[in-house]
């Protein structure tokens, strides 16, 4: 779930977590990722503090999916134009 530190992104992540899914939560705001992670067991969430527009974002995400073992659903938010 990219954008997991936004209001909508967190809501989607929380809904997925409530179904028992393991969520890879991605967002730029470390404190909000930490708050989200603190609300669920460690084995249900992987957090990645990352700006998805960064040059290495695709590689970081691919490496994380490999570490987790699988990816069933990808849900991304399009960043707003500045």
Protein backbone atom coordinates (compact mmCIF):
# COMPACT_ATOMS: atom_id res chain seq x y z
CA UNK A 1 0.00 0.00 0.00
CA UNK A 2 1.71 3.16 -1.15
CA UNK A 3 0.52 6.35 0.47
CA UNK A 4 -0.09 4.51 3.75
CA UNK A 5 0.72 7.64 5.73
CA UNK A 6 -2.13 9.63 4.20
CA UNK A 7 -5.64 9.48 5.64
CA UNK A 8 -7.08 7.42 2.78
CA UNK A 9 -4.01 5.20 2.46
CA UNK A 10 -4.02 4.40 6.16
CA UNK A 11 -7.72 3.57 6.01
CA UNK A 12 -7.13 1.11 3.16
CA UNK A 13 -4.17 -0.43 5.01
CA UNK A 14 -6.21 -0.78 8.21
CA UNK A 15 -9.06 -2.46 6.32
CA UNK A 16 -6.64 -4.94 4.75
CA UNK A 17 -5.05 -5.62 8.13
CA UNK A 18 -8.50 -6.23 9.64
CA UNK A 19 -9.04 -9.05 7.14
CA UNK A 20 -5.83 -10.73 8.30
CA UNK A 21 -3.70 -9.65 5.35
CA UNK A 22 -0.01 -8.90 5.70
CA UNK A 23 0.43 -5.31 4.57
CA UNK A 24 3.53 -3.69 3.12
CA UNK A 25 2.89 -0.08 4.11
CA UNK A 26 4.85 2.54 2.18
CA UNK A 27 4.95 6.23 2.97
CA UNK A 28 7.20 9.23 3.41
CA UNK A 29 6.27 10.06 7.01
CA UNK A 30 8.15 7.75 9.37
CA UNK A 31 6.17 8.79 12.43
CA UNK A 32 2.86 7.88 10.77
CA UNK A 33 4.26 4.53 9.61
CA UNK A 34 5.38 3.86 13.19
CA UNK A 35 1.90 4.73 14.49
CA UNK A 36 0.29 2.35 12.00
CA UNK A 37 2.76 -0.44 12.81
CA UNK A 38 2.20 -0.01 16.54
CA UNK A 39 -1.48 -0.80 16.08
CA UNK A 40 -0.97 -4.36 14.74
CA UNK A 41 1.21 -7.42 15.42
CA UNK A 42 4.70 -7.24 13.89
CA UNK A 43 4.10 -10.27 11.68
CA UNK A 44 1.19 -8.53 9.92
CA UNK A 45 2.94 -5.40 8.68
CA UNK A 46 6.13 -4.39 6.95
CA UNK A 47 6.78 -0.66 6.79
CA UNK A 48 8.95 1.12 4.25
CA UNK A 49 9.71 4.81 4.69
CA UNK A 50 10.03 5.75 1.03
CA UNK A 51 9.13 8.40 -1.48
CA UNK A 52 7.84 6.36 -4.41
CA UNK A 53 9.21 8.93 -6.84
CA UNK A 54 12.77 8.16 -5.67
CA UNK A 55 15.09 6.62 -8.25
CA UNK A 56 15.51 3.41 -6.22
CA UNK A 57 11.84 3.02 -5.22
CA UNK A 58 11.08 0.21 -7.65
CA UNK A 59 14.09 -1.80 -6.47
CA UNK A 60 13.31 -1.21 -2.78
CA UNK A 61 9.73 -2.40 -3.30
CA UNK A 62 10.81 -5.46 -5.30
CA UNK A 63 13.37 -6.40 -2.63
CA UNK A 64 10.74 -6.07 0.09
CA UNK A 65 8.24 -8.25 -1.75
CA UNK A 66 10.95 -10.90 -2.13
CA UNK A 67 11.67 -10.73 1.61
CA UNK A 68 7.97 -11.00 2.51
CA UNK A 69 7.55 -13.87 0.09
CA UNK A 70 4.58 -12.87 -2.03
CA UNK A 71 2.35 -10.06 -3.19
CA UNK A 72 -1.36 -10.70 -3.59
CA UNK A 73 -2.69 -7.19 -4.13
CA UNK A 74 -1.01 -3.86 -4.87
CA UNK A 75 -2.81 -0.66 -3.97
CA UNK A 76 -1.20 2.64 -4.80
CA UNK A 77 -2.16 6.23 -4.47
CA UNK A 78 -1.18 8.74 -7.08
CA UNK A 79 0.65 11.66 -5.47
CA UNK A 80 -0.99 15.04 -5.93
CA UNK A 81 0.75 17.50 -8.16
CA UNK A 82 2.58 20.19 -6.23
